[in-house]
Amino acid sequence: MDIIKLIEQEQIKQEIPEFNTGDTVQVHYRIKEGNRERIQVFEGTVLKKQGGGVGATFTVRRLASGVGVERTFSLHSPKIEKLVVTRRGKVRRAKLNYLRSRVGKAAKVKEKMN
């Protein structure tokens, strides 16, 4: 049992910025195409954060040419180059599933004022 925890501790990233549901984030994700590797930026609103430890995931949603695109990332994945929080959102719930049925201005999240 302790061996598993040791292996998990090695794989947990330490330099992850603090972010929550409703925040707008840029995920710099490493993509392999053939024998080349490039970094693709996926920017959107965090719908939910799930799990803990190594298995923690978060889902990001953005609108691309009028169509909602959601992507779930593993928080401690080695493919994530960096994670940048562009704006903080003011939300009152943990999972923002209601945003899926909204389009345009209705799908916006208020910005948190410090």
Protein backbone atom coordinates (compact mmCIF):
# COMPACT_ATOMS: atom_id res chain seq x y z
CA MET A 1 0.00 0.00 0.00
CA ASP A 2 2.81 2.42 0.85
CA ILE A 3 4.54 1.64 -2.45
CA ILE A 4 1.49 2.83 -4.39
CA LYS A 5 1.38 6.10 -2.42
CA LEU A 6 5.09 6.67 -3.06
CA ILE A 7 4.63 6.21 -6.82
CA GLU A 8 1.61 8.56 -6.80
CA GLN A 9 3.57 11.24 -4.89
CA GLU A 10 6.27 11.19 -7.58
CA GLN A 11 3.71 11.81 -10.34
CA ILE A 12 1.85 14.67 -8.66
CA LYS A 13 2.76 18.07 -10.12
CA GLN A 14 3.64 20.80 -7.61
CA GLU A 15 3.55 23.88 -9.90
CA ILE A 16 -0.20 23.83 -10.67
CA PRO A 17 -1.84 27.25 -10.17
CA GLU A 18 -4.86 27.57 -7.91
CA PHE A 19 -8.07 27.59 -10.00
CA ASN A 20 -11.72 26.80 -9.41
CA THR A 21 -14.96 26.15 -11.22
CA GLY A 22 -16.05 29.14 -13.32
CA ASP A 23 -12.50 30.38 -13.95
CA THR A 24 -11.32 30.90 -17.52
CA VAL A 25 -8.11 28.97 -18.11
CA GLN A 26 -5.63 28.37 -20.91
CA VAL A 27 -4.42 24.79 -21.06
CA HIS A 28 -1.18 24.43 -23.03
CA TYR A 29 -1.46 20.79 -24.14
CA ARG A 30 1.28 18.82 -25.89
CA ILE A 31 -0.04 17.01 -29.01
CA LYS A 32 1.86 14.43 -31.00
CA GLU A 33 1.22 14.39 -34.77
CA GLY A 34 3.18 11.68 -36.52
CA ASN A 35 6.77 12.15 -35.38
CA ARG A 36 6.33 15.86 -34.55
CA GLU A 37 5.18 17.37 -31.28
CA ARG A 38 3.47 20.73 -30.86
CA ILE A 39 1.67 22.65 -28.14
CA GLN A 40 -2.01 23.48 -28.60
CA VAL A 41 -3.75 26.04 -26.39
CA PHE A 42 -7.29 25.21 -25.26
CA GLU A 43 -8.96 28.20 -23.58
CA GLY A 44 -12.35 28.05 -21.92
CA THR A 45 -14.41 28.01 -18.72
CA VAL A 46 -13.82 25.31 -16.12
CA LEU A 47 -17.11 23.41 -15.75
CA LYS A 48 -16.03 21.04 -13.02
CA LYS A 49 -13.16 19.61 -11.02
CA GLN A 50 -13.30 15.96 -10.00
CA GLY A 51 -11.33 13.51 -7.93
CA GLY A 52 -8.22 13.92 -5.88
CA GLY A 53 -4.59 12.91 -5.93
CA VAL A 54 -3.16 11.61 -9.19
CA GLY A 55 -6.58 10.85 -10.69
CA ALA A 56 -7.88 14.43 -10.41
CA THR A 57 -9.49 15.77 -13.59
CA PHE A 58 -11.06 19.03 -14.75
CA THR A 59 -13.37 19.79 -17.66
CA VAL A 60 -13.01 22.92 -19.80
CA ARG A 61 -15.70 24.19 -22.19
CA ARG A 62 -15.40 26.75 -24.95
CA LEU A 63 -17.46 27.85 -27.94
CA ALA A 64 -15.74 27.20 -31.26
CA SER A 65 -17.64 28.69 -34.23
CA GLY A 66 -20.98 28.46 -32.45
CA VAL A 67 -20.51 24.87 -31.27
CA GLY A 68 -19.72 24.00 -27.66
CA VAL A 69 -16.52 21.98 -27.28
CA GLU A 70 -15.69 20.30 -23.98
CA ARG A 71 -12.45 18.63 -23.07
CA THR A 72 -11.53 16.77 -19.90
CA PHE A 73 -7.90 16.95 -18.81
CA SER A 74 -6.04 14.98 -16.20
CA LEU A 75 -4.69 17.56 -13.73
CA HIS A 76 -1.31 15.87 -13.25
CA SER A 77 -0.84 14.74 -16.86
CA PRO A 78 2.71 15.09 -18.23
CA LYS A 79 1.14 16.28 -21.52
CA ILE A 80 -0.02 19.53 -19.91
CA GLU A 81 2.82 21.98 -20.49
CA LYS A 82 1.33 24.78 -18.42
CA LEU A 83 -1.97 26.04 -17.07
CA VAL A 84 -2.73 29.79 -17.03
CA VAL A 85 -5.72 31.34 -15.24
CA THR A 86 -6.86 34.30 -17.37
CA ARG A 87 -9.86 35.40 -15.27
CA ARG A 88 -11.56 34.34 -12.05
CA GLY A 89 -15.25 33.49 -12.19
CA LYS A 90 -17.85 34.19 -9.52
CA VAL A 91 -20.00 31.06 -9.19
CA ARG A 92 -22.06 29.54 -6.40
CA ARG A 93 -21.90 25.87 -7.31
CA ALA A 94 -19.30 23.17 -7.91
CA LYS A 95 -20.52 21.86 -11.29
CA LEU A 96 -21.66 24.26 -14.03
CA ASN A 97 -23.64 21.78 -16.14
CA TYR A 98 -26.31 24.40 -16.83
CA LEU A 99 -23.86 26.25 -19.14
CA ARG A 100 -24.23 23.45 -21.71
CA SER A 101 -27.74 24.55 -22.64
CA ARG A 102 -26.81 28.24 -22.89
CA VAL A 103 -25.36 30.13 -25.84
CA GLY A 104 -23.82 33.58 -26.24
CA LYS A 105 -24.05 36.10 -23.39
CA ALA A 106 -26.19 33.75 -21.31
CA ALA A 107 -23.26 31.31 -21.15
CA LYS A 108 -20.99 33.92 -19.54
CA VAL A 109 -19.81 33.70 -15.94
CA LYS A 110 -19.47 36.89 -13.89
CA GLU A 111 -15.94 37.93 -13.06
CA LYS A 112 -14.84 37.90 -9.44
CA MET A 113 -13.76 41.26 -8.09
CA ASN A 114 -10.99 41.16 -5.48
